[in-house]
Amino acid sequence: LKHFAADGIRAHLIQVLDPAEEDLPFSGRIEFEGVEEELRLMAGRAQNLRDAYRRRLDLHRSRIVETAQQVNFTFATHRTDRVPQTALLALYSALSGAMAARQPPRAGI
């Protein structure tokens, strides 16, 4: 990100999560596997993982926010159970605010 910021690029980062990724609503014995099947985890009681999982997700998110702030990028999360327009509106607002901040004021305004 620092490389992009050094080139004058401004960005708005969006973390898109399925509700199951954020809430981990599973219980009982369940096998989790990576998107590309690179990792597998058999959880005897998935509900016992929930608190630790949420803490790690929150830590991951806070590190993304911190990194974004260091290079003056904005950040938001979006859940797939919400309409995409909310994420697009946040993106538009963030980027239009960044563009306005970079433009000199107009004469007579």
Protein backbone atom coordinates (compact mmCIF):
# COMPACT_ATOMS: atom_id res chain seq x y z
CA LEU A 1 0.00 0.00 0.00
CA LYS A 2 2.88 2.35 0.75
CA HIS A 3 4.09 1.96 -2.82
CA PHE A 4 0.69 3.00 -4.20
CA ALA A 5 0.41 5.93 -1.79
CA ALA A 6 3.91 7.08 -2.74
CA ASP A 7 2.74 7.22 -6.37
CA GLY A 8 -0.11 9.53 -5.34
CA ILE A 9 -2.80 6.88 -5.58
CA ARG A 10 -5.72 7.19 -3.17
CA ALA A 11 -7.81 4.16 -2.35
CA HIS A 12 -10.76 2.93 -0.36
CA LEU A 13 -10.36 -0.64 0.87
CA ILE A 14 -13.45 -2.81 1.27
CA GLN A 15 -13.44 -6.06 3.20
CA VAL A 16 -16.30 -8.19 1.88
CA LEU A 17 -17.48 -10.89 4.27
CA ASP A 18 -20.16 -13.52 4.14
CA PRO A 19 -22.20 -13.43 7.38
CA ALA A 20 -20.90 -16.91 8.23
CA GLU A 21 -17.33 -15.59 7.98
CA GLU A 22 -18.04 -12.82 10.44
CA ASP A 23 -20.40 -14.59 12.85
CA LEU A 24 -19.14 -18.19 12.68
CA PRO A 25 -22.65 -19.51 13.45
CA PHE A 26 -21.64 -23.18 13.29
CA SER A 27 -21.94 -25.71 16.07
CA GLY A 28 -21.03 -29.32 16.52
CA ARG A 29 -18.51 -31.29 14.51
CA ILE A 30 -17.68 -29.55 11.25
CA GLU A 31 -14.84 -29.56 8.75
CA PHE A 32 -13.64 -26.21 7.47
CA GLU A 33 -11.61 -26.06 4.29
CA GLY A 34 -9.84 -23.25 2.49
CA VAL A 35 -11.27 -21.65 -0.61
CA GLU A 36 -8.81 -23.52 -2.77
CA GLU A 37 -8.85 -26.55 -0.46
CA GLU A 38 -5.31 -25.77 0.69
CA LEU A 39 -6.18 -26.04 4.39
CA ARG A 40 -8.58 -28.22 6.32
CA LEU A 41 -9.62 -27.99 9.95
CA MET A 42 -11.83 -30.50 11.70
CA ALA A 43 -13.55 -28.83 14.64
CA GLY A 44 -15.08 -31.16 17.17
CA ARG A 45 -17.20 -28.37 18.60
CA ALA A 46 -17.20 -25.41 16.26
CA GLN A 47 -19.02 -23.23 18.78
CA ASN A 48 -15.93 -23.44 21.03
CA LEU A 49 -13.90 -21.65 18.35
CA ARG A 50 -16.28 -18.71 18.00
CA ASP A 51 -14.83 -16.28 20.57
CA ALA A 52 -11.19 -16.83 19.57
CA TYR A 53 -12.13 -16.63 15.89
CA ARG A 54 -13.94 -13.32 16.37
CA ARG A 55 -11.00 -11.88 18.31
CA ARG A 56 -8.62 -12.83 15.50
CA LEU A 57 -10.97 -11.41 12.86
CA ASP A 58 -11.24 -8.17 14.84
CA LEU A 59 -7.45 -8.02 15.19
CA HIS A 60 -7.03 -8.66 11.47
CA ARG A 61 -9.52 -5.90 10.67
CA SER A 62 -7.86 -3.43 13.05
CA ARG A 63 -4.49 -4.10 11.40
CA ILE A 64 -5.99 -3.40 7.99
CA VAL A 65 -7.50 -0.16 9.32
CA GLU A 66 -4.18 0.85 10.88
CA THR A 67 -2.27 0.13 7.68
CA ALA A 68 -4.83 2.01 5.59
CA GLN A 69 -4.66 5.03 7.91
CA GLN A 70 -0.86 5.10 7.68
CA VAL A 71 -1.11 5.74 3.94
CA ASN A 72 -4.24 7.91 4.12
CA PHE A 73 -6.53 5.28 2.58
CA THR A 74 -10.06 4.70 3.85
CA PHE A 75 -11.54 1.35 4.86
CA ALA A 76 -14.98 -0.20 5.24
CA THR A 77 -16.50 -3.62 5.62
CA HIS A 78 -19.43 -5.00 3.68
CA ARG A 79 -21.45 -8.12 4.37
CA THR A 80 -22.93 -10.10 1.53
CA ASP A 81 -26.33 -10.19 3.23
CA ARG A 82 -26.63 -6.45 2.63
CA VAL A 83 -27.41 -4.79 -0.67
CA PRO A 84 -24.28 -3.89 -2.66
CA GLN A 85 -25.47 -0.29 -3.04
CA THR A 86 -24.39 0.47 0.54
CA ALA A 87 -20.81 -0.54 -0.24
CA LEU A 88 -20.87 1.35 -3.52
CA LEU A 89 -22.20 4.49 -1.85
CA ALA A 90 -19.47 4.29 0.80
CA LEU A 91 -16.90 3.83 -1.95
CA TYR A 92 -18.25 6.80 -3.91
CA SER A 93 -18.33 9.01 -0.81
CA ALA A 94 -14.81 8.07 0.22
CA LEU A 95 -13.32 8.56 -3.21
CA SER A 96 -15.22 11.77 -4.00
CA GLY A 97 -14.09 13.20 -0.65
CA ALA A 98 -10.50 12.29 -1.48
CA MET A 99 -10.82 13.84 -4.93
CA ALA A 100 -12.30 17.05 -3.50
CA ALA A 101 -9.44 17.29 -1.02
CA ARG A 102 -6.91 17.06 -3.85
CA GLN A 103 -8.50 19.73 -6.07
CA PRO A 104 -7.82 23.43 -5.58
CA PRO A 105 -10.88 25.51 -4.65
CA ARG A 106 -12.80 27.05 -7.54
CA ALA A 107 -12.74 30.80 -8.01
CA GLY A 108 -15.81 32.56 -6.67
CA ILE A 109 -16.88 29.70 -4.42
